[in-house]
C-alpha atoms as a PDB file:
ATOM      1  CA  MET A   1     105.755  56.147-119.365  1.00  0.00           C
ATOM      2  CA  SER A   2     103.030  53.787-120.492  1.00  0.00           C
ATOM      3  CA  GLU A   3     103.595  51.308-123.274  1.00  0.00           C
ATOM      4  CA  ARG A   4     100.860  52.983-125.460  1.00  0.00           C
ATOM      5  CA  LEU A   5     102.744  56.386-125.221  1.00  0.00           C
ATOM      6  CA  ALA A   6     106.122  54.792-125.683  1.00  0.00           C
ATOM      7  CA  GLY A   7     104.950  53.289-128.930  1.00  0.00           C
ATOM      8  CA  ARG A   8     104.328  56.767-130.316  1.00  0.00           C
ATOM      9  CA  GLN A   9     108.054  57.658-129.952  1.00  0.00           C
ATOM     10  CA  ARG A  10     109.297  54.627-131.801  1.00  0.00           C
ATOM     11  CA  ASP A  11     110.429  54.800-135.387  1.00  0.00           C
ATOM     12  CA  PRO A  12     107.476  54.425-137.789  1.00  0.00           C
ATOM     13  CA  ALA A  13     109.280  51.733-139.729  1.00  0.00           C
ATOM     14  CA  GLU A  14     109.857  49.748-136.557  1.00  0.00           C
ATOM     15  CA  ALA A  15     106.245  50.231-135.546  1.00  0.00           C
ATOM     16  CA  LEU A  16     105.267  48.607-138.844  1.00  0.00           C
ATOM     17  CA  GLY A  17     107.708  45.748-138.293  1.00  0.00           C
ATOM     18  CA  LEU A  18     110.229  46.906-140.966  1.00  0.00           C
ATOM     19  CA  HIS A  19     113.942  46.803-140.379  1.00  0.00           C
ATOM     20  CA  ARG A  20     116.120  49.781-141.010  1.00  0.00           C
ATOM     21  CA  ASP A  21     118.101  48.001-143.685  1.00  0.00           C
ATOM     22  CA  VAL A  22     114.936  47.291-145.664  1.00  0.00           C
ATOM     23  CA  VAL A  23     113.837  50.899-145.523  1.00  0.00           C
ATOM     24  CA  SER A  24     117.283  52.089-146.529  1.00  0.00           C
ATOM     25  CA  ASP A  25     116.999  50.210-149.789  1.00  0.00           C
ATOM     26  CA  TYR A  26     114.408  52.745-150.917  1.00  0.00           C
ATOM     27  CA  GLU A  27     116.264  55.828-149.820  1.00  0.00           C
ATOM     28  CA  GLY A  28     117.880  56.227-153.188  1.00  0.00           C
ATOM     29  CA  LEU A  29     114.553  56.431-155.045  1.00  0.00           C
ATOM     30  CA  ASP A  30     113.538  59.711-156.627  1.00  0.00           C
ATOM     31  CA  THR A  31     110.387  60.318-154.577  1.00  0.00           C
ATOM     32  CA  ALA A  32     109.792  63.617-156.306  1.00  0.00           C
ATOM     33  CA  ARG A  33     109.056  61.740-159.535  1.00  0.00           C
ATOM     34  CA  TRP A  34     106.297  59.768-157.810  1.00  0.00           C
ATOM     35  CA  THR A  35     104.740  62.659-155.939  1.00  0.00           C
ATOM     36  CA  ARG A  36     104.798  65.070-158.865  1.00  0.00           C
ATOM     37  CA  PRO A  37     101.186  66.195-159.715  1.00  0.00           C
ATOM     38  CA  TRP A  38      99.665  65.161-163.082  1.00  0.00           C
ATOM     39  CA  SER A  39     100.243  67.469-165.972  1.00  0.00           C
ATOM     40  CA  HIS A  40      97.436  69.320-167.764  1.00  0.00           C
ATOM     41  CA  ARG A  41      97.867  67.055-170.796  1.00  0.00           C
ATOM     42  CA  THR A  42      97.407  63.929-168.693  1.00  0.00           C
ATOM     43  CA  VAL A  43      94.260  65.292-167.079  1.00  0.00           C
ATOM     44  CA  LEU A  44      92.867  66.222-170.499  1.00  0.00           C
ATOM     45  CA  VAL A  45      93.579  62.766-171.905  1.00  0.00           C
ATOM     46  CA  LEU A  46      91.939  61.055-168.952  1.00  0.00           C
ATOM     47  CA  THR A  47      88.913  63.345-169.177  1.00  0.00           C
ATOM     48  CA  VAL A  48      88.455  62.654-172.877  1.00  0.00           C
ATOM     49  CA  ALA A  49      88.890  58.921-172.304  1.00  0.00           C
ATOM     50  CA  GLY A  50      86.293  58.971-169.506  1.00  0.00           C
ATOM     51  CA  ALA A  51      83.851  60.906-171.676  1.00  0.00           C
ATOM     52  CA  LEU A  52      84.335  58.465-174.538  1.00  0.00           C
ATOM     53  CA  LEU A  53      83.792  55.517-172.216  1.00  0.00           C
ATOM     54  CA  ALA A  54      80.615  57.080-170.754  1.00  0.00           C
ATOM     55  CA  GLY A  55      79.359  57.828-174.264  1.00  0.00           C
ATOM     56  CA  PHE A  56      80.038  54.273-175.360  1.00  0.00           C
ATOM     57  CA  LEU A  57      78.179  52.837-172.361  1.00  0.00           C
ATOM     58  CA  LEU A  58      75.245  55.203-172.886  1.00  0.00           C
ATOM     59  CA  SER A  59      75.091  54.344-176.581  1.00  0.00           C
ATOM     60  CA  ALA A  60      75.159  50.627-175.796  1.00  0.00           C
ATOM     61  CA  ALA A  61      72.362  51.026-173.244  1.00  0.00           C
ATOM     62  CA  LEU A  62      70.238  53.011-175.695  1.00  0.00           C
ATOM     63  CA  ARG A  63      70.863  50.463-178.428  1.00  0.00           C
ATOM     64  CA  ALA A  64      69.879  47.603-176.104  1.00  0.00           C
ATOM     65  CA  GLY A  65      66.738  49.466-174.985  1.00  0.00           C
ATOM     66  CA  ARG A  66      65.799  50.196-178.601  1.00  0.00           C
ATOM     67  CA  THR A  67      66.242  46.529-179.496  1.00  0.00           C
ATOM     68  CA  VAL A  68      64.028  45.429-176.605  1.00  0.00           C
ATOM     69  CA  ALA A  69      61.371  47.985-177.558  1.00  0.00           C
ATOM     70  CA  LEU A  70      61.393  46.773-181.182  1.00  0.00           C
ATOM     71  CA  GLU A  71      61.079  43.161-180.057  1.00  0.00           C
ATOM     72  CA  GLN A  72      58.153  44.107-177.792  1.00  0.00           C
ATOM     73  CA  ASP A  73      56.432  45.941-180.643  1.00  0.00           C
ATOM     74  CA  VAL A  74      56.855  42.928-182.911  1.00  0.00           C
ATOM     75  CA  ARG A  75      55.535  40.611-180.201  1.00  0.00           C
ATOM     76  CA  ARG A  76      52.593  42.920-179.517  1.00  0.00           C
ATOM     77  CA  THR A  77      51.736  42.999-183.215  1.00  0.00           C
ATOM     78  CA  GLU A  78      51.897  39.201-183.347  1.00  0.00           C
ATOM     79  CA  LEU A  79      49.594  38.902-180.311  1.00  0.00           C
ATOM     80  CA  ILE A  80      47.088  41.364-181.796  1.00  0.00           C
ATOM     81  CA  GLY A  81      47.104  39.416-185.032  1.00  0.00           C
ATOM     82  CA  LEU A  82      46.622  36.147-183.155  1.00  0.00           C
ATOM     83  CA  ILE A  83      43.706  37.583-181.164  1.00  0.00           C
ATOM     84  CA  GLU A  84      42.033  38.862-184.332  1.00  0.00           C
ATOM     85  CA  GLU A  85      42.561  35.497-186.009  1.00  0.00           C
ATOM     86  CA  ARG A  86      41.046  33.602-183.072  1.00  0.00           C
ATOM     87  CA  ARG A  87      38.146  36.050-182.916  1.00  0.00           C
ATOM     88  CA  ALA A  88      37.402  35.570-186.596  1.00  0.00           C
ATOM     89  CA  HIS A  89      37.632  31.793-186.129  1.00  0.00           C
ATOM     90  CA  THR A  90      35.186  31.982-183.208  1.00  0.00           C
ATOM     91  CA  GLN A  91      32.763  34.016-185.290  1.00  0.00           C
ATOM     92  CA  ARG A  92      32.940  31.455-188.084  1.00  0.00           C
ATOM     93  CA  LEU A  93      32.268  28.648-185.619  1.00  0.00           C
ATOM     94  CA  SER A  94      29.332  30.579-184.146  1.00  0.00           C
ATOM     95  CA  ALA A  95      27.852  31.054-187.611  1.00  0.00           C
ATOM     96  CA  GLN A  96      28.360  27.353-188.329  1.00  0.00           C
ATOM     97  CA  LEU A  97      26.714  26.440-185.015  1.00  0.00           C
ATOM     98  CA  GLU A  98      23.730  28.631-185.816  1.00  0.00           C
ATOM     99  CA  ALA A  99      23.369  27.033-189.254  1.00  0.00           C
ATOM    100  CA  LEU A 100      23.545  23.527-187.767  1.00  0.00           C
ATOM    101  CA  ARG A 101      20.980  24.487-185.144  1.00  0.00           C
ATOM    102  CA  ARG A 102      18.583  25.637-187.857  1.00  0.00           C
ATOM    103  CA  ASP A 103      19.108  22.341-189.677  1.00  0.00           C
ATOM    104  CA  VAL A 104      18.347  20.424-186.474  1.00  0.00           C
ATOM    105  CA  ASP A 105      15.211  22.499-185.864  1.00  0.00           C
ATOM    106  CA  ALA A 106      14.035  21.849-189.394  1.00  0.00           C
ATOM    107  CA  ALA A 107      14.700  18.107-189.038  1.00  0.00           C
ATOM    108  CA  GLU A 108      12.853  18.007-185.704  1.00  0.00           C
ATOM    109  CA  ALA A 109       9.893  19.893-187.137  1.00  0.00           C
ATOM    110  CA  GLU A 110       9.770  17.524-190.115  1.00  0.00           C
ATOM    111  CA  ALA A 111       9.984  14.441-187.883  1.00  0.00           C
ATOM    112  CA  ALA A 112       7.236  15.707-185.563  1.00  0.00           C
ATOM    113  CA  ALA A 113       4.998  17.076-188.302  1.00  0.00           C
ATOM    114  CA  GLY A 114       2.740  14.053-188.267  1.00  0.00           C
ATOM    115  CA  VAL A 115       2.829  13.592-184.491  1.00  0.00           C
ATOM    116  CA  PRO A 116       1.298  16.643-182.734  1.00  0.00           C
ATOM    117  CA  ALA A 117       1.841  15.186-179.266  1.00  0.00           C
ATOM    118  CA  LEU A 118       5.550  14.707-179.952  1.00  0.00           C
ATOM    119  CA  ARG A 119       5.842  18.233-181.271  1.00  0.00           C
ATOM    120  CA  ALA A 120       4.119  19.674-178.205  1.00  0.00           C
ATOM    121  CA  ARG A 121       6.360  17.658-175.888  1.00  0.00           C
ATOM    122  CA  LEU A 122       9.449  18.827-177.772  1.00  0.00           C
ATOM    123  CA  ALA A 123       8.354  22.448-177.366  1.00  0.00           C
ATOM    124  CA  GLU A 124       7.880  21.955-173.631  1.00  0.00           C
ATOM    125  CA  LEU A 125      11.349  20.462-173.280  1.00  0.00           C
ATOM    126  CA  GLU A 126      12.926  23.304-175.247  1.00  0.00           C
ATOM    127  CA  VAL A 127      11.267  25.847-172.960  1.00  0.00           C
ATOM    128  CA  ALA A 128      12.426  23.987-169.855  1.00  0.00           C
ATOM    129  CA  ALA A 129      15.965  23.720-171.263  1.00  0.00           C
ATOM    130  CA  GLY A 130      16.118  27.434-172.027  1.00  0.00           C
ATOM    131  CA  LEU A 131      16.458  26.974-175.786  1.00  0.00           C
ATOM    132  CA  THR A 132      13.552  29.273-176.670  1.00  0.00           C
ATOM    133  CA  ALA A 133      12.876  32.908-175.861  1.00  0.00           C
ATOM    134  CA  LEU A 134      10.465  33.647-173.005  1.00  0.00           C
ATOM    135  CA  ARG A 135       8.295  36.683-172.384  1.00  0.00           C
ATOM    136  CA  GLY A 136       6.392  37.621-169.271  1.00  0.00           C
ATOM    137  CA  PRO A 137       6.339  39.678-166.069  1.00  0.00           C
ATOM    138  CA  GLY A 138       9.042  39.330-163.513  1.00  0.00           C
ATOM    139  CA  LEU A 139      11.799  40.975-161.512  1.00  0.00           C
ATOM    140  CA  ARG A 140      14.872  42.977-162.477  1.00  0.00           C
ATOM    141  CA  VAL A 141      17.844  42.999-160.077  1.00  0.00           C
ATOM    142  CA  GLU A 142      20.834  45.235-160.804  1.00  0.00           C
ATOM    143  CA  LEU A 143      24.284  44.807-159.259  1.00  0.00           C
ATOM    144  CA  ALA A 144      27.086  47.293-159.998  1.00  0.00           C
ATOM    145  CA  ASP A 145      30.664  48.047-159.042  1.00  0.00           C
ATOM    146  CA  ALA A 146      31.282  50.939-156.676  1.00  0.00           C
ATOM    147  CA  SER A 147      32.208  54.241-158.285  1.00  0.00           C
ATOM    148  CA  GLY A 148      35.305  56.155-157.241  1.00  0.00           C
ATOM    149  CA  THR A 149      38.096  55.019-154.945  1.00  0.00           C
ATOM    150  CA  CYS A 150      37.469  51.963-152.808  1.00  0.00           C
ATOM    151  CA  ALA A 151      37.270  52.917-149.135  1.00  0.00           C
ATOM    152  CA  THR A 152      39.063  49.754-147.974  1.00  0.00           C
ATOM    153  CA  GLY A 153      41.898  50.032-150.485  1.00  0.00           C
ATOM    154  CA  ARG A 154      41.100  46.547-151.806  1.00  0.00           C
ATOM    155  CA  THR A 155      39.637  46.701-155.311  1.00  0.00           C
ATOM    156  CA  GLU A 156      37.863  43.358-155.008  1.00  0.00           C
ATOM    157  CA  ASP A 157      35.791  44.684-152.081  1.00  0.00           C
ATOM    158  CA  CYS A 158      34.223  47.300-154.331  1.00  0.00           C
ATOM    159  CA  GLN A 159      33.606  45.121-157.394  1.00  0.00           C
ATOM    160  CA  ILE A 160      30.908  42.579-158.160  1.00  0.00           C
ATOM    161  CA  GLN A 161      32.455  39.120-158.140  1.00  0.00           C
ATOM    162  CA  ASP A 162      31.365  35.947-159.897  1.00  0.00           C
ATOM    163  CA  THR A 163      30.240  34.501-156.558  1.00  0.00           C
ATOM    164  CA  ASP A 164      27.921  37.496-156.074  1.00  0.00           C
ATOM    165  CA  LEU A 165      26.165  36.740-159.351  1.00  0.00           C
ATOM    166  CA  GLN A 166      26.022  33.035-158.527  1.00  0.00           C
ATOM    167  CA  LEU A 167      24.334  33.725-155.187  1.00  0.00           C
ATOM    168  CA  ALA A 168      21.859  36.174-156.701  1.00  0.00           C
ATOM    169  CA  VAL A 169      20.904  33.831-159.566  1.00  0.00           C
ATOM    170  CA  ASN A 170      20.524  30.836-157.262  1.00  0.00           C
ATOM    171  CA  ALA A 171      18.407  32.894-154.867  1.00  0.00           C
ATOM    172  CA  LEU A 172      16.057  33.962-157.695  1.00  0.00           C
ATOM    173  CA  PHE A 173      15.556  30.372-158.794  1.00  0.00           C
ATOM    174  CA  ALA A 174      15.027  29.378-155.158  1.00  0.00           C
ATOM    175  CA  VAL A 175      12.228  31.935-154.676  1.00  0.00           C
ATOM    176  CA  GLY A 176      10.318  30.807-157.770  1.00  0.00           C
ATOM    177  CA  ALA A 177      11.866  32.296-160.910  1.00  0.00           C
ATOM    178  CA  GLU A 178      10.923  30.359-164.050  1.00  0.00           C
ATOM    179  CA  ALA A 179      13.827  31.649-166.149  1.00  0.00           C
ATOM    180  CA  VAL A 180      16.805  33.925-165.540  1.00  0.00           C
ATOM    181  CA  ALA A 181      19.200  35.881-167.739  1.00  0.00           C
ATOM    182  CA  VAL A 182      22.272  37.991-166.852  1.00  0.00           C
ATOM    183  CA  ASN A 183      23.019  40.872-169.225  1.00  0.00           C
ATOM    184  CA  GLY A 184      21.165  38.977-171.939  1.00  0.00           C
ATOM    185  CA  GLU A 185      22.892  35.645-171.284  1.00  0.00           C
ATOM    186  CA  ARG A 186      20.308  32.967-170.578  1.00  0.00           C
ATOM    187  CA  VAL A 187      21.077  30.853-167.528  1.00  0.00           C
ATOM    188  CA  ILE A 188      20.478  27.129-168.041  1.00  0.00           C
ATOM    189  CA  ALA A 189      21.485  23.962-166.194  1.00  0.00           C
ATOM    190  CA  THR A 190      24.992  23.933-167.691  1.00  0.00           C
ATOM    191  CA  THR A 191      25.691  27.682-167.386  1.00  0.00           C
ATOM    192  CA  ALA A 192      29.009  28.572-165.811  1.00  0.00           C
ATOM    193  CA  ILE A 193      29.375  31.850-163.902  1.00  0.00           C
ATOM    194  CA  ARG A 194      33.032  32.393-163.136  1.00  0.00           C
ATOM    195  CA  SER A 195      35.779  34.991-163.122  1.00  0.00           C
ATOM    196  CA  ALA A 196      38.741  35.492-165.425  1.00  0.00           C
ATOM    197  CA  GLY A 197      41.098  38.055-163.944  1.00  0.00           C
ATOM    198  CA  ARG A 198      38.913  41.044-163.117  1.00  0.00           C
ATOM    199  CA  SER A 199      36.175  40.091-165.585  1.00  0.00           C
ATOM    200  CA  VAL A 200      33.070  37.990-164.971  1.00  0.00           C
ATOM    201  CA  LEU A 201      32.090  35.353-167.506  1.00  0.00           C
ATOM    202  CA  VAL A 202      28.591  33.945-168.012  1.00  0.00           C
ATOM    203  CA  ASN A 203      28.308  31.176-170.607  1.00  0.00           C
ATOM    204  CA  TYR A 204      31.973  32.035-171.357  1.00  0.00           C
ATOM    205  CA  GLU A 205      30.942  35.529-172.478  1.00  0.00           C
ATOM    206  CA  VAL A 206      32.720  38.458-170.824  1.00  0.00           C
ATOM    207  CA  LEU A 207      30.267  40.763-169.043  1.00  0.00           C
ATOM    208  CA  ALA A 208      30.818  44.156-167.453  1.00  0.00           C
ATOM    209  CA  SER A 209      29.218  46.175-164.678  1.00  0.00           C
ATOM    210  CA  PRO A 210      26.367  46.935-164.226  1.00  0.00           C
ATOM    211  CA  TYR A 211      24.995  43.400-164.145  1.00  0.00           C
ATOM    212  CA  VAL A 212      21.268  43.246-164.842  1.00  0.00           C
ATOM    213  CA  ILE A 213      19.635  39.993-163.735  1.00  0.00           C
ATOM    214  CA  GLU A 214      16.154  39.464-165.167  1.00  0.00           C
ATOM    215  CA  ALA A 215      13.872  36.753-163.835  1.00  0.00           C
ATOM    216  CA  ILE A 216      10.449  35.789-165.164  1.00  0.00           C
ATOM    217  CA  GLY A 217       7.788  34.893-162.611  1.00  0.00           C
ATOM    218  CA  ASP A 218       5.245  36.447-160.289  1.00  0.00           C
ATOM    219  CA  PRO A 219       6.632  39.996-159.835  1.00  0.00           C
ATOM    220  CA  GLU A 220       5.219  40.650-156.376  1.00  0.00           C
ATOM    221  CA  GLY A 221       6.072  37.213-155.009  1.00  0.00           C
ATOM    222  CA  LEU A 222       9.596  37.287-156.466  1.00  0.00           C
ATOM    223  CA  ARG A 223      10.244  40.777-155.096  1.00  0.00           C
ATOM    224  CA  ARG A 224       9.020  39.979-151.610  1.00  0.00           C
ATOM    225  CA  ARG A 225      10.771  36.621-151.247  1.00  0.00           C
ATOM    226  CA  PHE A 226      14.021  37.798-152.825  1.00  0.00           C
ATOM    227  CA  ALA A 227      14.096  40.904-150.604  1.00  0.00           C
ATOM    228  CA  GLU A 228      13.824  38.595-147.589  1.00  0.00           C
ATOM    229  CA  SER A 229      16.714  36.375-148.728  1.00  0.00           C
ATOM    230  CA  ALA A 230      20.152  36.406-147.150  1.00  0.00           C
ATOM    231  CA  VAL A 231      21.703  37.580-150.441  1.00  0.00           C
ATOM    232  CA  ALA A 232      19.536  40.700-150.581  1.00  0.00           C
ATOM    233  CA  SER A 233      20.252  41.394-146.912  1.00  0.00           C
ATOM    234  CA  ASP A 234      24.009  41.162-147.522  1.00  0.00           C
ATOM    235  CA  PHE A 235      23.868  43.435-150.551  1.00  0.00           C
ATOM    236  CA  THR A 236      21.878  46.005-148.614  1.00  0.00           C
ATOM    237  CA  VAL A 237      24.746  46.172-146.112  1.00  0.00           C
ATOM    238  CA  TRP A 238      27.458  46.126-148.795  1.00  0.00           C
ATOM    239  CA  LYS A 239      25.699  48.960-150.603  1.00  0.00           C
ATOM    240  CA  ASP A 240      26.210  51.187-147.554  1.00  0.00           C
ATOM    241  CA  VAL A 241      29.675  49.934-146.577  1.00  0.00           C
ATOM    242  CA  TYR A 242      31.397  49.513-149.951  1.00  0.00           C
ATOM    243  CA  GLY A 243      29.222  51.637-152.234  1.00  0.00           C
ATOM    244  CA  LEU A 244      28.130  48.704-154.432  1.00  0.00           C
ATOM    245  CA  GLY A 245      25.118  49.262-156.655  1.00  0.00           C
ATOM    246  CA  PHE A 246      22.041  47.221-155.709  1.00  0.00           C
ATOM    247  CA  SER A 247      18.421  47.674-156.763  1.00  0.00           C
ATOM    248  CA  ILE A 248      15.270  45.555-157.132  1.00  0.00           C
ATOM    249  CA  GLN A 249      12.489  46.503-159.535  1.00  0.00           C
ATOM    250  CA  GLN A 250       9.334  44.766-160.649  1.00  0.00           C
ATOM    251  CA  ALA A 251       8.718  44.542-164.393  1.00  0.00           C
ATOM    252  CA  ASP A 252       5.393  44.107-166.178  1.00  0.00           C
ATOM    253  CA  GLU A 253       7.057  42.444-169.144  1.00  0.00           C
ATOM    254  CA  LEU A 254      10.487  40.962-169.708  1.00  0.00           C
ATOM    255  CA  THR A 255      11.893  39.174-172.742  1.00  0.00           C
ATOM    256  CA  LEU A 256      14.636  36.645-172.098  1.00  0.00           C
ATOM    257  CA  PRO A 257      16.619  35.456-175.127  1.00  0.00           C
ATOM    258  CA  PRO A 258      17.235  31.752-175.723  1.00  0.00           C
ATOM    259  CA  TYR A 259      20.517  30.128-174.825  1.00  0.00           C
ATOM    260  CA  ASP A 260      22.669  30.202-177.966  1.00  0.00           C
ATOM    261  CA  GLY A 261      25.851  28.468-176.799  1.00  0.00           C
ATOM    262  CA  GLY A 262      27.018  24.928-177.305  1.00  0.00           C
ATOM    263  CA  LEU A 263      25.453  22.057-175.383  1.00  0.00           C
ATOM    264  CA  ARG A 264      27.662  19.269-174.073  1.00  0.00           C
ATOM    265  CA  LEU A 265      24.943  17.570-172.082  1.00  0.00           C
ATOM    266  CA  ARG A 266      24.502  13.958-173.185  1.00  0.00           C
ATOM    267  CA  VAL A 267      22.146  12.415-170.616  1.00  0.00           C
ATOM    268  CA  ALA A 268      19.741  14.144-168.233  1.00  0.00           C
ATOM    269  CA  ALA A 269      16.499  13.526-166.376  1.00  0.00           C
ATOM    270  CA  PRO A 270      14.112  15.597-164.238  1.00  0.00           C
ATOM    271  CA  ALA A 271      14.884  15.665-160.532  1.00  0.00           C
ATOM    272  CA  GLY A 272      13.624  12.522-158.815  1.00  0.00           C
ATOM    273  CA  GLU A 273      13.620  10.388-161.955  1.00  0.00           C
ATOM    274  CA  ALA A 274      16.207   7.794-162.957  1.00  0.00           C
ATOM    275  CA  LEU A 275      18.520   8.423-165.878  1.00  0.00           C
ATOM    276  CA  PRO A 276      17.502   6.641-169.075  1.00  0.00           C
END
């Protein structure tokens, strides 16, 4: 007989390495007392205790969730109040800036009243700097986010980005635009076109799709040269592939507002000239 089969016939205690005298010590125990099934009263007590414990845990979880929700509501209210406070502060600063600008204009007009040449030169510089409104014929270019679900699954592929506006604005200036505005925001030498999350900022103002770029200049020349640019070629392709909105339209008359933001420029000179 093999050793594996012989092991089956050995005493279980010996198979576990226990001696007979050790096992015999437990022979006097009342095993019936240990194997007796639980009584109905014991089961009932344990059931009630388990239910109470589950109720306590559930109550604690609900109380903790309610506390977190209350804290979030308080924090949300504080943030809303802070946003409203900052918005009101910004509006006050804008009103103060506008008042100071009127004072500066009045002082400049008074200083140049007796010097017509100086006044004319000042007007020319204000036009070149984008500080006065301009009216004239030109070109209107519209860029828009795609409608519906993006075919590629990537949201950024179907939205106009800040770089798209930068390329379009630079291309319009390159083909001869005298002045450009995006959704009513005048583009000047210090204008920043950038993104903040999923929003596009121009002059630190949040804009939304569709983006209407207006450029003053020769309508026919602007349309022809811009349509031949690499930017227009790319958008023609992206219009078909991603569903982006893209259109070019000549305009007999456009009115571009003046730049009304703050100016941090301290020293500047026309291209090709040395700084003063």
